[in-house]
């Protein structure tokens, strides 16, 4: 019998595959982060490894067919992956421990609002130039400014 994990709606991501220059280094950074985000090891082979959450899995592979050295997120192609994080506290914990696993915080002068005043997130880059955005729920939205009070209909206009 098939489980719900074996079926996904049209348009859902099936997998994402990264070709990396150094599998051991990539396992140290991606393996830690994906594990913290709830992904579990799914497949392993000499040149790669994958982690799965639900119907989607993420692959890192040191392919012999790779032609470039380091990924450059500023060139055409993939810029970054964005992941949900359950809370601002969890995001803070991830940022705190990320450097121990090969990730550095981007835009530290604007953290955690580098994506805007109402976007609570951390942007991390690993040793090989891959960027992730970790997005936590924002605090309650700021209340809109109250419109100016209307003058009562019988009030005299200002002089």
N, C-alpha and C. Protein backbone atom coordinates (compact mmCIF):
# COMPACT_ATOMS: atom_id res chain seq x y z
N UNK A 1 0.85 -1.18 0.00
CA UNK A 1 0.00 0.00 0.00
C UNK A 1 0.89 1.24 0.00
N UNK A 2 0.53 2.24 -0.80
CA UNK A 2 1.30 3.47 -0.89
C UNK A 2 0.86 4.44 0.19
N UNK A 3 1.82 5.22 0.69
CA UNK A 3 1.49 6.21 1.72
C UNK A 3 1.31 7.58 1.06
N UNK A 4 0.84 8.54 1.86
CA UNK A 4 0.69 9.90 1.36
C UNK A 4 2.04 10.48 0.94
N UNK A 5 3.14 9.98 1.52
CA UNK A 5 4.47 10.48 1.16
C UNK A 5 4.83 10.07 -0.26
N UNK A 6 4.16 9.08 -0.81
CA UNK A 6 4.47 8.63 -2.16
C UNK A 6 3.69 9.39 -3.23
N UNK A 7 2.79 10.27 -2.81
CA UNK A 7 1.96 11.02 -3.75
C UNK A 7 2.06 12.50 -3.45
N UNK A 8 2.19 13.28 -4.48
CA UNK A 8 2.22 14.74 -4.31
C UNK A 8 1.37 15.36 -5.39
N UNK A 9 0.88 16.53 -5.11
CA UNK A 9 0.09 17.24 -6.09
C UNK A 9 0.95 17.77 -7.22
N UNK A 10 0.32 18.01 -8.33
CA UNK A 10 1.01 18.59 -9.48
C UNK A 10 1.68 19.89 -9.06
N UNK A 11 2.91 20.04 -9.46
CA UNK A 11 3.66 21.26 -9.17
C UNK A 11 4.49 21.21 -7.90
N UNK A 12 4.28 20.21 -7.06
CA UNK A 12 5.10 20.09 -5.85
C UNK A 12 6.52 19.69 -6.26
N UNK A 13 7.50 20.19 -5.54
CA UNK A 13 8.88 19.81 -5.84
C UNK A 13 9.09 18.33 -5.53
N UNK A 14 9.75 17.63 -6.42
CA UNK A 14 10.11 16.24 -6.21
C UNK A 14 11.46 16.17 -5.52
N UNK A 15 12.48 16.81 -6.14
CA UNK A 15 13.80 16.87 -5.52
C UNK A 15 14.59 18.04 -6.08
N UNK A 16 15.62 18.40 -5.36
CA UNK A 16 16.58 19.41 -5.77
C UNK A 16 17.94 18.75 -5.69
N UNK A 17 18.76 18.94 -6.71
CA UNK A 17 20.08 18.30 -6.73
C UNK A 17 21.17 19.35 -6.88
N UNK A 18 22.11 19.33 -5.96
CA UNK A 18 23.27 20.21 -6.01
C UNK A 18 24.50 19.40 -6.38
N UNK A 19 25.23 19.88 -7.34
CA UNK A 19 26.54 19.30 -7.63
C UNK A 19 27.54 20.13 -6.85
N UNK A 20 28.32 19.46 -6.03
CA UNK A 20 29.23 20.13 -5.11
C UNK A 20 30.68 19.77 -5.43
N UNK A 21 31.63 20.66 -5.12
CA UNK A 21 33.02 20.36 -5.41
C UNK A 21 33.67 19.41 -4.40
N UNK A 22 33.10 19.32 -3.19
CA UNK A 22 33.70 18.48 -2.15
C UNK A 22 32.58 17.85 -1.33
N UNK A 23 32.35 16.57 -1.53
CA UNK A 23 31.23 15.88 -0.88
C UNK A 23 31.34 15.91 0.64
N UNK A 24 32.52 15.65 1.16
CA UNK A 24 32.69 15.63 2.62
C UNK A 24 32.36 16.98 3.23
N UNK A 25 32.84 18.05 2.63
CA UNK A 25 32.57 19.40 3.12
C UNK A 25 31.07 19.71 3.00
N UNK A 26 30.46 19.33 1.88
CA UNK A 26 29.03 19.58 1.68
C UNK A 26 28.19 18.79 2.69
N UNK A 27 28.58 17.55 2.97
CA UNK A 27 27.85 16.76 3.97
C UNK A 27 27.89 17.44 5.34
N UNK A 28 29.03 18.05 5.67
CA UNK A 28 29.15 18.71 6.97
C UNK A 28 28.20 19.90 7.08
N UNK A 29 28.08 20.70 6.04
CA UNK A 29 27.21 21.88 6.11
C UNK A 29 25.75 21.53 5.81
N UNK A 30 25.51 20.91 4.67
CA UNK A 30 24.12 20.58 4.30
C UNK A 30 23.52 19.53 5.22
N UNK A 31 24.30 18.52 5.60
CA UNK A 31 23.78 17.48 6.48
C UNK A 31 23.31 18.04 7.81
N UNK A 32 24.12 18.93 8.40
CA UNK A 32 23.73 19.55 9.66
C UNK A 32 22.45 20.36 9.49
N UNK A 33 22.43 21.26 8.48
CA UNK A 33 21.29 22.14 8.30
C UNK A 33 20.02 21.37 8.00
N UNK A 34 20.09 20.44 7.06
CA UNK A 34 18.89 19.69 6.70
C UNK A 34 18.38 18.85 7.87
N UNK A 35 19.29 18.28 8.65
CA UNK A 35 18.88 17.55 9.84
C UNK A 35 18.15 18.45 10.84
N UNK A 36 18.67 19.66 11.03
CA UNK A 36 18.04 20.62 11.94
C UNK A 36 16.66 21.04 11.44
N UNK A 37 16.47 21.04 10.12
CA UNK A 37 15.20 21.43 9.53
C UNK A 37 14.21 20.27 9.42
N UNK A 38 14.59 19.10 9.92
CA UNK A 38 13.67 17.97 9.94
C UNK A 38 13.82 16.98 8.80
N UNK A 39 14.80 17.17 7.94
CA UNK A 39 15.05 16.21 6.86
C UNK A 39 15.81 15.02 7.45
N UNK A 40 15.60 13.86 6.87
CA UNK A 40 16.29 12.64 7.30
C UNK A 40 17.04 12.04 6.13
N UNK A 41 18.18 11.41 6.43
CA UNK A 41 18.96 10.78 5.36
C UNK A 41 18.05 9.81 4.62
N UNK A 42 18.10 9.89 3.31
CA UNK A 42 17.21 9.11 2.44
C UNK A 42 18.00 8.12 1.60
N UNK A 43 19.05 8.59 0.93
CA UNK A 43 19.86 7.72 0.07
C UNK A 43 21.34 8.07 0.25
N UNK A 44 22.21 7.08 0.07
CA UNK A 44 23.65 7.31 0.11
C UNK A 44 24.31 6.46 -0.97
N UNK A 45 25.30 7.00 -1.64
CA UNK A 45 26.11 6.29 -2.62
C UNK A 45 27.49 6.94 -2.59
N UNK A 46 28.50 6.35 -3.20
CA UNK A 46 29.86 6.87 -3.05
C UNK A 46 30.03 8.35 -3.43
N UNK A 47 29.29 8.84 -4.41
CA UNK A 47 29.45 10.22 -4.86
C UNK A 47 28.39 11.16 -4.32
N UNK A 48 27.47 10.67 -3.46
CA UNK A 48 26.41 11.57 -3.04
C UNK A 48 25.59 11.08 -1.87
N UNK A 49 24.65 11.93 -1.49
CA UNK A 49 23.77 11.64 -0.37
C UNK A 49 22.52 12.49 -0.54
N UNK A 50 21.38 11.99 -0.03
CA UNK A 50 20.17 12.80 -0.08
C UNK A 50 19.46 12.76 1.26
N UNK A 51 18.67 13.79 1.50
CA UNK A 51 17.85 13.93 2.70
C UNK A 51 16.43 14.19 2.26
N UNK A 52 15.46 13.61 2.97
CA UNK A 52 14.05 13.70 2.57
C UNK A 52 13.20 14.27 3.69
N UNK A 53 12.24 15.07 3.28
CA UNK A 53 11.18 15.56 4.17
C UNK A 53 9.90 15.52 3.37
N UNK A 54 8.95 14.71 3.84
CA UNK A 54 7.71 14.56 3.09
C UNK A 54 7.98 13.95 1.73
N UNK A 55 7.46 14.58 0.69
CA UNK A 55 7.62 14.05 -0.66
C UNK A 55 8.84 14.63 -1.38
N UNK A 56 9.54 15.53 -0.74
CA UNK A 56 10.66 16.21 -1.38
C UNK A 56 11.99 15.76 -0.78
N UNK A 57 12.98 15.59 -1.63
CA UNK A 57 14.31 15.29 -1.12
C UNK A 57 15.34 16.20 -1.78
N UNK A 58 16.45 16.38 -1.06
CA UNK A 58 17.54 17.25 -1.51
C UNK A 58 18.79 16.39 -1.63
N UNK A 59 19.44 16.51 -2.77
CA UNK A 59 20.61 15.69 -3.11
C UNK A 59 21.85 16.58 -3.17
N UNK A 60 22.95 16.08 -2.62
CA UNK A 60 24.27 16.66 -2.88
C UNK A 60 25.09 15.57 -3.55
N UNK A 61 25.78 15.95 -4.60
CA UNK A 61 26.54 14.96 -5.35
C UNK A 61 27.84 15.58 -5.86
N UNK A 62 28.92 14.85 -5.72
CA UNK A 62 30.20 15.25 -6.29
C UNK A 62 30.34 14.48 -7.59
N UNK A 63 29.73 15.03 -8.62
CA UNK A 63 29.70 14.35 -9.91
C UNK A 63 31.00 14.53 -10.68
N UNK A 64 31.46 13.47 -11.34
CA UNK A 64 32.65 13.62 -12.19
C UNK A 64 32.36 14.47 -13.43
N UNK A 65 31.09 14.73 -13.73
CA UNK A 65 30.72 15.54 -14.88
C UNK A 65 30.69 17.03 -14.58
N UNK A 66 30.89 17.42 -13.33
CA UNK A 66 30.88 18.82 -12.92
C UNK A 66 32.01 19.55 -13.63
N UNK A 67 31.74 20.79 -14.11
CA UNK A 67 32.76 21.51 -14.86
C UNK A 67 33.33 22.71 -14.12
N UNK A 68 32.62 23.32 -13.21
CA UNK A 68 33.13 24.50 -12.50
C UNK A 68 33.55 24.11 -11.09
N UNK A 69 34.32 24.98 -10.45
CA UNK A 69 34.76 24.72 -9.08
C UNK A 69 33.73 25.10 -8.05
N UNK A 70 33.57 26.40 -7.81
CA UNK A 70 32.71 26.91 -6.74
C UNK A 70 31.41 27.46 -7.33
N UNK A 71 30.32 27.18 -6.64
CA UNK A 71 29.03 27.73 -7.03
C UNK A 71 29.06 29.25 -6.83
N UNK A 72 28.49 30.00 -7.75
CA UNK A 72 28.42 31.45 -7.62
C UNK A 72 26.96 31.86 -7.68
N UNK A 73 26.39 32.18 -6.53
CA UNK A 73 24.96 32.50 -6.44
C UNK A 73 24.61 33.81 -7.14
N UNK A 74 25.62 34.60 -7.50
CA UNK A 74 25.38 35.88 -8.18
C UNK A 74 25.37 35.75 -9.70
N UNK A 75 25.68 34.58 -10.21
CA UNK A 75 25.63 34.34 -11.65
C UNK A 75 24.25 33.81 -12.02
N UNK A 76 23.89 33.81 -13.29
CA UNK A 76 22.60 33.23 -13.67
C UNK A 76 22.50 31.79 -13.16
N UNK A 77 21.34 31.44 -12.71
CA UNK A 77 21.11 30.11 -12.13
C UNK A 77 20.50 30.26 -10.75
N UNK A 78 20.68 29.28 -9.93
CA UNK A 78 20.10 29.29 -8.60
C UNK A 78 20.78 30.34 -7.72
N UNK A 79 19.99 31.21 -7.11
CA UNK A 79 20.53 32.18 -6.16
C UNK A 79 20.50 31.61 -4.75
N UNK A 80 19.35 31.10 -4.31
CA UNK A 80 19.26 30.52 -2.97
C UNK A 80 18.01 29.67 -2.83
N UNK A 81 18.01 28.85 -1.77
CA UNK A 81 16.82 28.11 -1.35
C UNK A 81 16.30 28.77 -0.09
N UNK A 82 14.99 28.84 0.07
CA UNK A 82 14.39 29.41 1.28
C UNK A 82 13.59 28.32 1.99
N UNK A 83 13.84 28.20 3.29
CA UNK A 83 13.17 27.20 4.12
C UNK A 83 12.38 27.90 5.22
N UNK A 84 11.22 27.34 5.55
CA UNK A 84 10.47 27.80 6.71
C UNK A 84 11.16 27.31 7.97
N UNK A 85 11.14 28.11 9.02
CA UNK A 85 11.60 27.73 10.35
C UNK A 85 10.43 28.04 11.29
N UNK A 86 10.17 27.15 12.25
CA UNK A 86 8.97 27.24 13.08
C UNK A 86 8.87 28.50 13.93
N UNK A 87 10.00 29.02 14.41
CA UNK A 87 9.92 30.16 15.33
C UNK A 87 11.16 31.04 15.21
N UNK A 88 11.04 32.25 15.73
CA UNK A 88 12.19 33.15 15.75
C UNK A 88 13.29 32.59 16.65
N UNK A 89 12.91 31.93 17.75
CA UNK A 89 13.90 31.32 18.64
C UNK A 89 14.68 30.23 17.91
N UNK A 90 13.98 29.38 17.16
CA UNK A 90 14.65 28.31 16.41
C UNK A 90 15.59 28.92 15.38
N UNK A 91 15.15 29.98 14.72
CA UNK A 91 16.01 30.65 13.74
C UNK A 91 17.26 31.19 14.43
N UNK A 92 17.10 31.80 15.59
CA UNK A 92 18.25 32.31 16.33
C UNK A 92 19.23 31.21 16.70
N UNK A 93 18.71 30.05 17.11
CA UNK A 93 19.57 28.92 17.45
C UNK A 93 20.35 28.43 16.23
N UNK A 94 19.68 28.36 15.09
CA UNK A 94 20.35 27.93 13.86
C UNK A 94 21.47 28.89 13.49
N UNK A 95 21.19 30.19 13.56
CA UNK A 95 22.21 31.20 13.24
C UNK A 95 23.39 31.10 14.20
N UNK A 96 23.11 30.86 15.47
CA UNK A 96 24.16 30.75 16.47
C UNK A 96 25.11 29.59 16.17
N UNK A 97 24.57 28.45 15.75
CA UNK A 97 25.38 27.25 15.54
C UNK A 97 25.86 27.08 14.09
N UNK A 98 25.33 27.85 13.17
CA UNK A 98 25.68 27.70 11.75
C UNK A 98 27.18 27.80 11.47
N UNK A 99 27.91 28.75 12.08
CA UNK A 99 29.34 28.84 11.78
C UNK A 99 30.13 27.58 12.14
N UNK A 100 29.65 26.82 13.11
CA UNK A 100 30.33 25.57 13.48
C UNK A 100 30.17 24.49 12.41
N UNK A 101 29.30 24.75 11.43
CA UNK A 101 29.00 23.75 10.40
C UNK A 101 29.22 24.29 8.99
N UNK A 102 30.05 25.33 8.88
CA UNK A 102 30.43 25.81 7.56
C UNK A 102 29.54 26.87 6.95
N UNK A 103 28.66 27.49 7.73
CA UNK A 103 27.77 28.53 7.22
C UNK A 103 28.17 29.87 7.84
N UNK A 104 28.05 30.95 7.07
CA UNK A 104 28.27 32.28 7.61
C UNK A 104 27.04 33.13 7.37
N UNK A 105 26.78 34.04 8.29
CA UNK A 105 25.62 34.92 8.19
C UNK A 105 25.91 36.02 7.18
N UNK A 106 25.03 36.17 6.20
CA UNK A 106 25.12 37.26 5.24
C UNK A 106 24.34 38.46 5.80
N UNK A 107 24.71 39.65 5.42
CA UNK A 107 24.02 40.88 5.81
C UNK A 107 23.87 41.01 7.33
N UNK A 108 24.93 40.78 8.11
CA UNK A 108 24.79 40.82 9.57
C UNK A 108 24.34 42.18 10.10
N UNK A 109 24.64 43.25 9.38
CA UNK A 109 24.24 44.57 9.83
C UNK A 109 22.73 44.80 9.72
N UNK A 110 22.04 43.96 8.94
CA UNK A 110 20.59 44.10 8.78
C UNK A 110 19.81 42.90 9.33
N UNK A 111 20.53 41.94 9.88
CA UNK A 111 19.90 40.72 10.42
C UNK A 111 19.05 41.07 11.63
N UNK A 112 17.86 40.54 11.80
CA UNK A 112 17.16 39.54 11.00
C UNK A 112 16.16 40.14 10.01
N UNK A 113 16.33 41.44 9.66
CA UNK A 113 15.37 42.08 8.77
C UNK A 113 15.99 42.46 7.43
N UNK A 114 16.97 41.70 6.96
CA UNK A 114 17.62 42.00 5.68
C UNK A 114 16.63 41.91 4.52
N UNK A 115 15.56 41.16 4.69
CA UNK A 115 14.55 41.03 3.63
C UNK A 115 13.42 42.04 3.76
N UNK A 116 13.50 42.94 4.73
CA UNK A 116 12.45 43.94 4.93
C UNK A 116 11.98 43.96 6.38
N UNK A 117 11.33 45.04 6.76
CA UNK A 117 10.91 45.24 8.14
C UNK A 117 9.94 44.18 8.67
N UNK A 118 9.17 43.57 7.79
CA UNK A 118 8.19 42.57 8.23
C UNK A 118 8.57 41.15 7.81
N UNK A 119 9.86 40.94 7.54
CA UNK A 119 10.33 39.63 7.07
C UNK A 119 11.47 39.19 7.99
N UNK A 120 11.16 38.30 8.94
CA UNK A 120 12.13 37.83 9.93
C UNK A 120 12.86 36.63 9.35
N UNK A 121 14.13 36.82 8.98
CA UNK A 121 14.85 35.76 8.27
C UNK A 121 16.35 35.87 8.51
N UNK A 122 17.03 34.78 8.23
CA UNK A 122 18.49 34.75 8.23
C UNK A 122 18.93 34.27 6.86
N UNK A 123 19.97 34.88 6.35
CA UNK A 123 20.57 34.50 5.07
C UNK A 123 21.94 33.94 5.39
N UNK A 124 22.16 32.68 5.02
CA UNK A 124 23.42 32.00 5.31
C UNK A 124 24.07 31.55 4.00
N UNK A 125 25.40 31.55 3.98
CA UNK A 125 26.15 31.05 2.83
C UNK A 125 27.16 30.03 3.34
N UNK A 126 27.28 28.90 2.64
CA UNK A 126 28.25 27.89 3.09
C UNK A 126 29.58 28.05 2.38
N UNK A 127 30.53 27.19 2.76
CA UNK A 127 31.90 27.22 2.22
C UNK A 127 31.93 27.24 0.70
N UNK A 128 30.98 26.56 0.08
CA UNK A 128 31.00 26.41 -1.38
C UNK A 128 30.16 27.45 -2.11
N UNK A 129 29.66 28.45 -1.38
CA UNK A 129 28.95 29.55 -2.02
C UNK A 129 27.45 29.37 -2.16
N UNK A 130 26.88 28.32 -1.60
CA UNK A 130 25.44 28.13 -1.66
C UNK A 130 24.76 28.94 -0.57
N UNK A 131 23.66 29.59 -0.91
CA UNK A 131 22.93 30.42 0.05
C UNK A 131 21.60 29.79 0.39
N UNK A 132 21.25 29.89 1.67
CA UNK A 132 19.91 29.52 2.12
C UNK A 132 19.33 30.71 2.87
N UNK A 133 18.03 30.82 2.78
CA UNK A 133 17.28 31.80 3.55
C UNK A 133 16.40 31.02 4.51
N UNK A 134 16.49 31.32 5.78
CA UNK A 134 15.67 30.67 6.80
C UNK A 134 14.65 31.69 7.26
N UNK A 135 13.37 31.39 7.09
CA UNK A 135 12.31 32.36 7.34
C UNK A 135 11.45 31.91 8.51
N UNK A 136 11.38 32.76 9.53
CA UNK A 136 10.54 32.49 10.70
C UNK A 136 9.30 33.36 10.64
N UNK A 137 8.23 32.95 11.33
CA UNK A 137 7.05 33.82 11.36
C UNK A 137 7.43 35.18 11.94
N UNK A 138 6.91 36.22 11.33
CA UNK A 138 7.16 37.56 11.85
C UNK A 138 6.30 37.77 13.08
N UNK A 139 6.69 38.75 13.88
CA UNK A 139 5.85 39.14 15.02
C UNK A 139 4.52 39.64 14.47
N UNK A 140 3.58 39.85 15.34
CA UNK A 140 2.27 40.36 14.89
C UNK A 140 2.49 41.58 14.01
N UNK A 141 1.71 41.68 12.93
CA UNK A 141 1.90 42.81 12.02
C UNK A 141 1.73 44.13 12.77
N UNK A 142 2.50 45.10 12.37
CA UNK A 142 2.38 46.42 12.98
C UNK A 142 1.01 47.00 12.66
N UNK A 143 0.35 47.59 13.66
CA UNK A 143 -0.96 48.18 13.35
C UNK A 143 -0.80 49.36 12.41
N UNK A 144 -1.75 49.50 11.51
CA UNK A 144 -1.71 50.62 10.58
C UNK A 144 -1.97 51.90 11.35
N UNK A 145 -1.38 52.97 10.88
CA UNK A 145 -1.61 54.26 11.53
C UNK A 145 -3.08 54.61 11.40
N UNK A 146 -3.62 55.13 12.47
CA UNK A 146 -5.04 55.52 12.46
C UNK A 146 -5.21 56.74 11.59
N UNK A 147 -6.28 56.77 10.78
CA UNK A 147 -6.51 57.97 9.96
C UNK A 147 -6.84 59.15 10.86
N UNK A 148 -6.59 60.36 10.40
CA UNK A 148 -6.91 61.51 11.23
C UNK A 148 -8.40 61.54 11.53
N UNK A 149 -8.71 61.96 12.73
CA UNK A 149 -10.13 62.02 13.13
C UNK A 149 -10.85 63.04 12.29
N UNK A 150 -12.03 62.66 11.85
CA UNK A 150 -12.84 63.57 11.05
C UNK A 150 -13.47 64.61 11.96
N UNK A 151 -13.57 65.82 11.48
CA UNK A 151 -14.20 66.89 12.27
C UNK A 151 -15.70 66.63 12.30
N UNK A 152 -16.36 66.89 13.44
CA UNK A 152 -17.81 66.71 13.47
C UNK A 152 -18.46 67.61 12.42
N UNK A 153 -19.59 67.18 11.88
CA UNK A 153 -20.22 67.93 10.79
C UNK A 153 -20.54 69.37 11.15
N UNK A 154 -20.78 69.69 12.42
CA UNK A 154 -21.18 71.06 12.79
C UNK A 154 -19.98 71.89 13.23
N UNK A 155 -18.75 71.35 13.10
CA UNK A 155 -17.57 72.10 13.54
C UNK A 155 -17.25 73.18 12.52
N UNK A 156 -16.75 74.29 13.01
CA UNK A 156 -16.37 75.40 12.13
C UNK A 156 -15.05 75.05 11.46
N UNK A 157 -14.87 75.43 10.20
CA UNK A 157 -13.60 75.18 9.52
C UNK A 157 -12.47 75.93 10.23
N UNK A 158 -11.23 75.41 10.14
CA UNK A 158 -10.11 76.11 10.77
C UNK A 158 -9.94 77.50 10.21
N UNK A 159 -9.52 78.42 11.04
CA UNK A 159 -9.37 79.82 10.62
C UNK A 159 -8.11 80.04 9.85
